[in-house]
Amino acid sequence: MPKKAKALSAVEVGRLKHAGDVGNINFPVGGVAGLRLQVTPTNATSWLLITTVAGKVRQIGLGGYPDVSLAQARDFARVLREKIRRGIDPIEERKEAKAALFAAQKRGLTFDEAVERYLEQKEKELSNDKHRKQWWSTLTTHASPELGKMLVDEITVHDIQRVLDPIWLTIAETATRVRSRVESVLDWAQVKGHRTGENPARWKGNLEALMPKPGKVAKSDNHPAIALKDAQRWFAALQQRDGVSARALEFLALTAARSGEVRGAVWDEIDLVEKVWAIPSSRMKAGKEHRVVLTDEAVALLGRIPRLKGSRYVFAAPRQGELSDMSLSAVMRRMSKDDVVNGGQGYIDGKSKRPAVPHGLRSTFRVWAAEKTGFPREMAEIALAHTVGSEVERSYQRSDLVEKRRLMMKAWDRFLRGGAAT
């Protein structure tokens, strides 16, 4: 019967050294049959389990010493000997696990990586720069926050639903595009061998069972607006957020302008001395130049915006171009989610009960002017760049009431910051 090795202590194991001869020395350490500490001529040390598997002598490495302690080595050895007793070859098991890991890593691709690679191919089919930006912005704004770091092979229908739920009833057209584009990216990933199974973003026989049909989603001409009772809390939360999109949204709130007007604003349109932002007719919905009065606080906000070299935009995107049409919406959506997390109800339109969107801030401003102030209706309508009065009335009313509107916009600014309505 083989002699049983003495169970060495951790201190005794630490004293084991190479004798200086050629070759490695294996010291029995006891505690588990076949467990050895291998010491090289340079005194590098590692653990070995020498045992018999299916009639063959096997040497199984258990890691280096002292990274793997004596106690850990004995535990590892016991587990392996139990596997051998049950007919499992630990070396073959390791080879299979390594091969599976290699295959998974080769196949593994995150959603963000898939979007980037897919668009490199897709951009050749897109006819103009606008379409390329739309593809990129819809996916990065709405899908990436939820799916970006996930492996495409792990994305399920419930992950897709989590992306679409916040926008399906509020911006149905955009949500439909997001779904379709995610489906295209995942189809590409499957063809390239990065995922298997059904496409979780497919509508027919899949998402249609979980979500209302796009054509049946109720349409409304009114954009969901922040209720007046929530406006000050929302504005205070917005000021705590970082990023150019948050500043653009803050400027939009202070000026009651449209999202496209703010995102397309260039420095040449703004007179910081006169405190006027002159939006040219080419960028206005009514095709007429519109002058926006700027409060001291709005001017101060502009003064804090860094001017990116090579970009003429006030609120420039990281690539120096114009912010996407989704960037401001994404800020509002995240703010509403954060408010719920912090115990609030989110920023919801009082009538439609839908999450507020940037364009709805114009409605909030209009309700404030009508219900909380004594400013003339026409003044608020001019501030919103709405057409006021009949054609005859407009022919006599040449002024856009810039100086009078300053008082109104100052009062609006004061209200947003927690002051009285007027």
Foldseek 3Di string as FASTA:
>chain_A
DDDADDAADQVVVVPDADPQDQDWDWDDRGPAPQWTWIQHNVRWTFIWRWDDAPNRTDIDTDGGPPVPGPVNSSVVNVVCVVCSVVRDDVVVVVVVVVVVVVVLVVLWDFLQRLLVVVLVVVVVVDDDPVVSVLLVCLCVLQPCVQGGGPTLQPDALVSLCVSLVQPCQQPVVSSVVNLVSSQVSSVVSVVVNNYDDDRSSDCPPHCVVVDPDSVPRDDDPAFFAFALVCLLVLLVVLVPDDDLLSLLLNLCLLQVEDSQQSLQAFPVQADLVQQKGWRALVSDPVSHIAITHHAPVSSVSLVPQDDDPPARHSSADPVRHGDDPCSNQSVQSVQQVVCVVVPHNGRARPPPRRHGGSNNSSVNLLCLCVPFHDDDNLLSCSSHVHDDDDPVVCVVPVDSCRVVVNVVSVLSVQVSNPHGSD
